[in-house]
Amino acid sequence: MHANPAGEKVPESAKSPLTTYPVIDADVHNEVPSLKTLLPYLPDHWRDYISESAFVGPDANDYPKGAPTTARADSRPPDGPPGSDLGLVREQVLDAWDVDFAILTNAYWVQSIHLEDLAADMATAINQWQVDAWLDPEPRLRASLVVPSQNPLLAAREIERYAGHPGFVQVMMPVRSLIPYGKRYYDPIYEAATKHGLAIGIHYGGAPGHSPTPTGWPSTYLEEYAGMAQVFQSQVMSLIFEGAFDRFPDLRVALIEGGFTWMTALMWRTDKEWKGLRHNTPWVKQPPSEYMRSHLRLTVQPVNAPPQQEFLLQIIEQLESDDMLMFSTDYPHWHFDSNEEAWPVALPQATMAKVMAENARSFYRLPASVKRAG
């Protein structure tokens, strides 16, 4: 039994039909329990600074504590926030889904720390904590590197520091950024990531200091939450039309926790406008939708689709690719009441196998299951 966002008990079958396929969960949050957790990993001068200042950490508050979508009711450990307890992650994700691998997506946004040297050392502290507290104890986990992407040179240095560790498979960046991600400003990050075979993970949230909408600050969390898909679309267009994928042909980008049903409309619209205005961007050699299919992958939660299954099937068909979607639970955030609802559409078996695991296995260059290898 587990509880839905309203706190009601919901029975779960012993094994979800989805787990008849191999499963790779491409979005599992490993939250830092508290700022104190990171203090042993920081240099002495930063520990002194934190004790003497008002610094409490870079809380972007992407998921307010009281919002029903923030966390499933049974994911809260007694001594930390949801997603901070490896034992619960094992029980509620790794074992419950019988996963081959889960990709950790730590959203401790050091990008909102204006003191860049502190941001860089905080990133190192978080990454070493991920190694010690998550990767070393649990072979089914892979992690995302936290980097100070507001300073790409410092971010590239952090990538170089951990690039040799097999537990890290991507570089984490919030979808809300100070400037669009296609700008050459970010090239040091992409150069280091592609050099070491790491993907870029662009994740819901962030707090760069300016509005999350094109027209100013919204009044409600609902507006910000629902409107984040617009920010994802802006970053996709920037990466393509600023030429990031032409400068870095091996660049792989995962769009995490932004849904995917908006992608087909963006494909159609950008292809149409590119045909009439392609002379503006002569370096863009292919229709934008081809860059999207080649370089982008999207995690499926939150699904953000009409309840009618036929409409969701149409959207998936319009992607014209069964390689783009990667299964995710977005744990501990709460978007569905039972495991069966995590992917609420039946696809051909070969396509289901790709969505549930093989797309992520290929994208993140993961081996065969560590649990199945024996």
Protein backbone atom coordinates (compact mmCIF):
# COMPACT_ATOMS: atom_id res chain seq x y z
CA MET A 1 0.00 0.00 0.00
CA HIS A 2 1.07 3.59 -0.58
CA ALA A 3 -0.62 6.96 -0.40
CA ASN A 4 -1.62 9.24 -3.26
CA PRO A 5 -1.21 13.05 -3.03
CA ALA A 6 -4.46 13.31 -1.08
CA GLY A 7 -3.08 10.89 1.52
CA GLU A 8 -5.47 8.08 0.58
CA LYS A 9 -4.17 4.51 0.68
CA VAL A 10 -3.80 2.96 -2.76
CA PRO A 11 -3.17 -0.76 -3.22
CA GLU A 12 -0.31 -1.82 -5.47
CA SER A 13 -0.03 -5.14 -7.25
CA ALA A 14 3.02 -7.18 -6.37
CA LYS A 15 4.50 -6.56 -9.80
CA SER A 16 3.49 -3.91 -12.30
CA PRO A 17 2.96 -5.08 -15.90
CA LEU A 18 5.53 -2.46 -16.87
CA THR A 19 8.23 -4.42 -15.07
CA THR A 20 7.80 -7.35 -17.44
CA TYR A 21 10.27 -5.30 -19.48
CA PRO A 22 13.74 -4.33 -18.27
CA VAL A 23 13.44 -0.94 -16.56
CA ILE A 24 15.82 2.01 -16.43
CA ASP A 25 14.49 4.96 -14.45
CA ALA A 26 15.96 8.11 -15.98
CA ASP A 27 14.92 10.57 -13.26
CA VAL A 28 15.33 9.77 -9.56
CA HIS A 29 16.08 12.63 -7.19
CA ASN A 30 18.71 12.19 -4.51
CA GLU A 31 18.20 15.20 -2.29
CA VAL A 32 20.89 16.59 0.00
CA PRO A 33 19.51 16.07 3.53
CA SER A 34 20.73 19.48 4.72
CA LEU A 35 23.51 21.98 4.27
CA LYS A 36 25.24 20.36 7.26
CA THR A 37 25.62 17.19 5.19
CA LEU A 38 28.02 19.00 2.87
CA LEU A 39 30.15 20.77 5.49
CA PRO A 40 32.69 17.92 5.85
CA TYR A 41 33.32 18.12 2.10
CA LEU A 42 34.01 21.87 2.04
CA PRO A 43 37.31 23.68 2.70
CA ASP A 44 37.71 25.25 6.14
CA HIS A 45 37.25 28.80 4.90
CA TRP A 46 33.83 27.99 3.45
CA ARG A 47 32.73 26.31 6.66
CA ASP A 48 33.73 29.48 8.48
CA TYR A 49 31.94 31.61 5.90
CA ILE A 50 28.73 29.57 6.22
CA SER A 51 28.80 29.71 10.03
CA GLU A 52 29.34 33.49 10.00
CA SER A 53 26.97 34.48 7.21
CA ALA A 54 23.31 34.12 6.36
CA PHE A 55 24.00 31.52 3.65
CA VAL A 56 21.55 28.61 3.93
CA GLY A 57 22.07 26.95 0.55
CA PRO A 58 20.78 27.54 -2.96
CA ASP A 59 17.16 26.52 -2.46
CA ALA A 60 15.39 27.27 -5.74
CA ASN A 61 12.11 25.99 -4.22
CA ASP A 62 11.15 24.29 -7.49
CA TYR A 63 8.76 22.06 -5.56
CA PRO A 64 7.26 23.87 -2.52
CA LYS A 65 7.03 21.56 0.48
CA GLY A 66 3.25 21.75 0.73
CA ALA A 67 2.37 21.23 -2.92
CA PRO A 68 0.67 17.87 -3.59
CA THR A 69 2.93 17.12 -6.54
CA THR A 70 6.10 17.62 -4.49
CA ALA A 71 6.41 14.17 -2.93
CA ARG A 72 4.54 10.91 -2.48
CA ALA A 73 3.34 10.71 1.10
CA ASP A 74 5.39 7.64 2.00
CA SER A 75 8.69 9.01 0.65
CA ARG A 76 9.47 11.24 3.65
CA PRO A 77 12.19 9.79 5.91
CA PRO A 78 12.14 10.77 9.58
CA ASP A 79 15.33 12.84 9.37
CA GLY A 80 15.43 14.50 5.94
CA PRO A 81 13.48 15.64 2.90
CA PRO A 82 11.87 13.21 0.42
CA GLY A 83 14.49 11.62 -1.81
CA SER A 84 17.30 11.88 0.74
CA ASP A 85 17.20 8.31 2.07
CA LEU A 86 18.94 5.56 0.08
CA GLY A 87 17.01 2.86 1.93
CA LEU A 88 13.67 4.30 0.79
CA VAL A 89 14.96 4.76 -2.75
CA ARG A 90 15.96 1.11 -2.79
CA GLU A 91 12.56 0.04 -1.50
CA GLN A 92 10.33 2.39 -3.49
CA VAL A 93 12.26 2.61 -6.78
CA LEU A 94 15.07 0.13 -7.28
CA ASP A 95 13.30 -2.91 -5.86
CA ALA A 96 9.71 -1.87 -6.52
CA TRP A 97 10.46 -1.41 -10.22
CA ASP A 98 13.13 -4.12 -10.37
CA VAL A 99 15.33 -1.63 -12.22
CA ASP A 100 18.47 -2.32 -14.15
CA PHE A 101 19.68 1.21 -13.40
CA ALA A 102 18.35 4.47 -12.03
CA ILE A 103 19.79 7.85 -13.02
CA LEU A 104 20.16 10.20 -10.06
CA THR A 105 19.23 13.81 -10.82
CA ASN A 106 20.38 15.98 -7.95
CA ALA A 107 18.77 19.41 -8.19
CA TYR A 108 20.83 21.33 -5.65
CA TRP A 109 21.10 24.35 -7.90
CA VAL A 110 24.52 25.85 -7.21
CA GLN A 111 23.82 28.05 -10.23
CA SER A 112 21.86 30.39 -7.96
CA ILE A 113 24.91 31.07 -5.75
CA HIS A 114 26.34 34.41 -6.86
CA LEU A 115 29.70 33.78 -5.20
CA GLU A 116 31.11 31.60 -7.98
CA ASP A 117 34.05 30.14 -6.07
CA LEU A 118 31.64 28.96 -3.37
CA ALA A 119 29.34 27.56 -6.06
CA ALA A 120 32.23 25.60 -7.56
CA ASP A 121 33.31 24.13 -4.21
CA MET A 122 29.70 23.35 -3.33
CA ALA A 123 29.42 21.41 -6.61
CA THR A 124 32.53 19.40 -5.73
CA ALA A 125 31.14 18.72 -2.26
CA ILE A 126 27.83 17.48 -3.67
CA ASN A 127 29.53 15.28 -6.24
CA GLN A 128 31.81 13.64 -3.69
CA TRP A 129 28.82 13.16 -1.37
CA GLN A 130 27.01 11.46 -4.25
CA VAL A 131 29.95 9.08 -4.66
CA ASP A 132 30.19 8.28 -0.94
CA ALA A 133 26.50 8.12 -0.02
CA TRP A 134 24.91 6.79 -3.22
CA LEU A 135 27.21 5.40 -5.90
CA ASP A 136 29.58 3.39 -3.74
CA PRO A 137 26.85 1.62 -1.72
CA GLU A 138 24.49 0.89 -4.65
CA PRO A 139 25.71 -0.47 -8.03
CA ARG A 140 22.33 0.06 -9.71
CA LEU A 141 22.73 3.83 -9.51
CA ARG A 142 24.31 6.28 -11.93
CA ALA A 143 24.53 10.00 -11.18
CA SER A 144 24.48 13.46 -12.70
CA LEU A 145 27.37 15.84 -12.11
CA VAL A 146 26.41 19.07 -10.37
CA VAL A 147 28.38 21.93 -11.94
CA PRO A 148 28.48 25.74 -11.54
CA SER A 149 27.24 26.33 -15.07
CA GLN A 150 26.97 30.09 -14.47
CA ASN A 151 30.76 29.96 -14.93
CA PRO A 152 31.44 27.49 -17.77
CA LEU A 153 35.20 27.41 -17.15
CA LEU A 154 34.68 26.36 -13.53
CA ALA A 155 32.00 23.92 -14.69
CA ALA A 156 34.39 22.36 -17.21
CA ARG A 157 36.97 22.00 -14.45
CA GLU A 158 34.43 20.09 -12.36
CA ILE A 159 33.64 17.81 -15.29
CA GLU A 160 37.33 17.06 -15.71
CA ARG A 161 37.63 16.29 -11.98
CA TYR A 162 35.00 13.52 -12.06
CA ALA A 163 34.94 12.47 -15.70
CA GLY A 164 36.92 9.31 -14.96
CA HIS A 165 34.39 8.06 -12.43
CA PRO A 166 32.14 5.45 -14.08
CA GLY A 167 29.19 6.38 -11.86
CA PHE A 168 28.61 9.75 -13.55
CA VAL A 169 26.79 9.67 -16.90
CA GLN A 170 25.65 13.26 -17.45
CA VAL A 171 26.14 16.89 -16.50
CA MET A 172 23.17 18.50 -14.75
CA MET A 173 21.90 21.98 -15.69
CA PRO A 174 18.60 23.66 -14.74
CA VAL A 175 16.28 24.56 -17.59
CA ARG A 176 16.03 28.11 -16.25
CA SER A 177 19.34 29.79 -17.04
CA LEU A 178 20.79 33.27 -17.14
CA ILE A 179 21.21 33.12 -20.93
CA PRO A 180 20.04 30.50 -23.47
CA TYR A 181 22.07 27.29 -23.60
CA GLY A 182 22.84 27.47 -27.31
CA LYS A 183 25.15 30.46 -26.80
CA ARG A 184 28.88 29.91 -27.30
CA TYR A 185 29.28 31.04 -23.70
CA TYR A 186 28.51 27.46 -22.64
CA ASP A 187 30.88 25.79 -25.11
CA PRO A 188 33.48 24.86 -22.44
CA ILE A 189 30.83 22.71 -20.77
CA TYR A 190 29.84 20.99 -24.00
CA GLU A 191 33.46 20.50 -25.02
CA ALA A 192 34.31 18.81 -21.73
CA ALA A 193 31.14 16.71 -21.70
CA THR A 194 31.54 15.42 -25.26
CA LYS A 195 35.26 14.81 -24.71
CA HIS A 196 34.42 12.41 -21.90
CA GLY A 197 31.27 10.88 -23.38
CA LEU A 198 28.91 12.53 -20.91
CA ALA A 199 25.39 13.64 -21.76
CA ILE A 200 23.92 16.99 -20.75
CA GLY A 201 20.82 16.78 -18.58
CA ILE A 202 18.59 19.87 -18.72
CA HIS A 203 16.20 19.57 -15.80
CA TYR A 204 13.04 21.32 -14.66
CA GLY A 205 13.62 24.28 -12.37
CA GLY A 206 16.38 26.65 -11.43
CA ALA A 207 16.61 30.16 -10.02
CA PRO A 208 18.81 32.39 -12.22
CA GLY A 209 17.24 35.59 -10.90
CA HIS A 210 14.86 36.52 -13.69
CA SER A 211 11.27 35.65 -14.57
CA PRO A 212 10.35 32.11 -15.71
CA THR A 213 7.99 33.54 -18.35
CA PRO A 214 8.69 35.73 -21.40
CA THR A 215 6.41 38.49 -20.08
CA GLY A 216 7.27 38.81 -16.40
CA TRP A 217 6.72 37.19 -13.05
CA PRO A 218 3.63 35.00 -12.59
CA SER A 219 1.41 35.35 -9.53
CA THR A 220 0.98 31.68 -8.70
CA TYR A 221 3.03 28.50 -8.47
CA LEU A 222 0.53 26.85 -10.82
CA GLU A 223 1.47 29.29 -13.59
CA GLU A 224 5.18 28.69 -13.08
CA TYR A 225 4.76 24.91 -12.87
CA ALA A 226 2.60 24.61 -16.00
CA GLY A 227 4.63 27.17 -17.91
CA MET A 228 7.99 25.43 -17.55
CA ALA A 229 7.40 23.63 -20.87
CA GLN A 230 7.84 27.02 -22.59
CA VAL A 231 11.31 27.32 -21.05
CA PHE A 232 12.26 23.86 -22.33
CA GLN A 233 11.12 24.85 -25.81
CA SER A 234 13.21 28.01 -25.69
CA GLN A 235 16.32 26.03 -24.75
CA VAL A 236 15.72 23.51 -27.54
CA MET A 237 15.42 26.28 -30.13
CA SER A 238 18.53 27.98 -28.78
CA LEU A 239 20.63 24.81 -28.97
CA ILE A 240 19.58 24.24 -32.58
CA PHE A 241 19.53 27.75 -34.04
CA GLU A 242 22.63 28.98 -32.20
CA GLY A 243 24.45 26.01 -33.74
CA ALA A 244 25.44 24.07 -30.60
CA PHE A 245 24.75 20.73 -32.27
CA ASP A 246 26.75 21.77 -35.33
CA ARG A 247 29.70 22.84 -33.19
CA PHE A 248 29.44 19.63 -31.14
CA PRO A 249 28.04 16.84 -33.33
CA ASP A 250 28.37 14.34 -30.46
CA LEU A 251 26.40 16.46 -28.00
CA ARG A 252 23.60 14.46 -26.34
CA VAL A 253 20.94 16.31 -24.33
CA ALA A 254 18.28 14.83 -22.05
CA LEU A 255 15.26 17.01 -21.28
CA ILE A 256 14.26 15.89 -17.81
CA GLU A 257 10.98 16.41 -15.98
CA GLY A 258 9.52 18.75 -18.58
CA GLY A 259 7.04 16.36 -20.15
CA PHE A 260 7.18 15.53 -23.84
CA THR A 261 3.78 16.12 -25.42
CA TRP A 262 4.79 19.63 -26.51
CA MET A 263 7.66 18.31 -28.64
CA THR A 264 5.67 17.37 -31.74
CA ALA A 265 4.15 20.85 -32.06
CA LEU A 266 7.60 22.40 -31.65
CA MET A 267 8.99 20.11 -34.36
CA TRP A 268 6.27 21.16 -36.79
CA ARG A 269 6.51 24.87 -36.01
CA THR A 270 10.31 25.14 -36.18
CA ASP A 271 10.50 23.09 -39.39
CA LYS A 272 7.92 25.35 -40.99
CA GLU A 273 9.61 28.59 -40.01
CA TRP A 274 13.09 27.26 -40.86
CA LYS A 275 11.98 26.60 -44.43
CA GLY A 276 11.10 30.26 -44.91
CA LEU A 277 13.91 31.78 -42.85
CA ARG A 278 16.77 29.31 -43.21
CA HIS A 279 18.99 32.01 -44.68
CA ASN A 280 19.11 33.47 -41.12
CA THR A 281 20.96 30.38 -39.90
CA PRO A 282 23.01 28.92 -42.77
CA TRP A 283 24.92 26.74 -40.30
CA VAL A 284 21.71 24.80 -39.55
CA LYS A 285 22.02 22.16 -42.27
CA GLN A 286 18.99 19.99 -41.42
CA PRO A 287 15.35 20.61 -40.50
CA PRO A 288 15.17 21.37 -36.76
CA SER A 289 13.13 18.23 -36.12
CA GLU A 290 16.06 16.11 -37.34
CA TYR A 291 18.37 17.70 -34.77
CA MET A 292 15.75 16.97 -32.12
CA ARG A 293 15.46 13.31 -33.08
CA SER A 294 19.22 12.88 -33.30
CA HIS A 295 20.40 14.76 -30.21
CA LEU A 296 17.50 14.98 -27.74
CA ARG A 297 15.86 12.51 -25.39
CA LEU A 298 12.95 13.24 -23.07
CA THR A 299 11.92 11.64 -19.79
CA VAL A 300 8.25 10.77 -19.72
CA GLN A 301 7.15 12.07 -16.32
CA PRO A 302 5.11 14.15 -15.91
CA VAL A 303 3.24 12.74 -18.92
CA ASN A 304 1.06 15.90 -19.33
CA ALA A 305 -1.22 14.25 -21.87
CA PRO A 306 -4.99 14.11 -22.46
CA PRO A 307 -6.63 11.19 -20.65
CA GLN A 308 -7.76 9.64 -23.92
CA GLN A 309 -5.16 7.06 -24.91
CA GLU A 310 -5.69 7.59 -28.63
CA PHE A 311 -4.51 11.19 -28.37
CA LEU A 312 -1.31 10.18 -26.59
CA LEU A 313 -0.71 7.52 -29.24
CA GLN A 314 -1.07 10.18 -31.93
CA ILE A 315 1.50 12.40 -30.22
CA ILE A 316 3.98 9.54 -29.94
CA GLU A 317 3.41 8.61 -33.58
CA GLN A 318 4.04 12.21 -34.64
CA LEU A 319 7.51 12.09 -33.06
CA GLU A 320 8.39 9.76 -35.97
CA SER A 321 10.93 8.06 -33.73
CA ASP A 322 10.69 5.46 -30.99
CA ASP A 323 14.15 6.45 -29.72
CA MET A 324 13.29 9.75 -28.04
CA LEU A 325 11.40 8.77 -24.88
CA MET A 326 12.98 7.43 -21.68
CA PHE A 327 10.94 6.00 -18.84
CA SER A 328 11.10 7.83 -15.52
CA THR A 329 9.26 7.90 -12.21
CA ASP A 330 10.50 11.37 -11.21
CA TYR A 331 10.76 10.01 -7.67
CA PRO A 332 9.89 11.31 -5.11
CA HIS A 333 7.65 13.75 -6.95
CA TRP A 334 4.14 12.47 -7.35
CA HIS A 335 2.47 12.42 -10.77
CA PHE A 336 0.64 9.09 -10.70
CA ASP A 337 -1.24 6.98 -8.14
CA SER A 338 -0.09 3.49 -9.14
CA ASN A 339 2.83 2.03 -11.06
CA GLU A 340 0.53 1.06 -13.90
CA GLU A 341 -0.20 4.75 -14.47
CA ALA A 342 3.46 5.72 -14.77
CA TRP A 343 3.30 4.96 -18.49
CA PRO A 344 -0.43 4.94 -19.31
CA VAL A 345 -0.30 3.79 -22.93
CA ALA A 346 0.21 0.43 -24.61
CA LEU A 347 2.77 0.40 -27.42
CA PRO A 348 4.13 -2.42 -29.58
CA GLN A 349 6.41 -4.66 -27.54
CA ALA A 350 9.60 -3.56 -29.31
CA THR A 351 8.75 0.10 -28.70
CA MET A 352 7.80 -0.53 -25.07
CA ALA A 353 11.16 -2.23 -24.51
CA LYS A 354 12.91 0.84 -25.92
CA VAL A 355 10.93 3.32 -23.83
CA MET A 356 11.22 1.33 -20.61
CA ALA A 357 14.98 0.76 -20.80
CA GLU A 358 16.81 0.47 -24.09
CA ASN A 359 16.63 4.13 -25.13
CA ALA A 360 18.21 5.16 -21.83
CA ARG A 361 20.72 2.32 -21.99
CA SER A 362 21.90 3.51 -25.40
CA PHE A 363 21.76 7.23 -24.57
CA TYR A 364 23.70 6.88 -21.31
CA ARG A 365 25.91 4.09 -22.68
CA LEU A 366 25.00 1.74 -19.87
CA PRO A 367 26.02 -1.91 -19.74
CA ALA A 368 23.75 -4.89 -19.26
CA SER A 369 22.01 -4.96 -15.92
CA VAL A 370 24.33 -5.32 -12.95
CA LYS A 371 21.65 -7.29 -11.11
CA ARG A 372 21.01 -9.57 -14.07
CA ALA A 373 24.68 -10.07 -14.94
CA GLY A 374 25.08 -12.66 -12.19
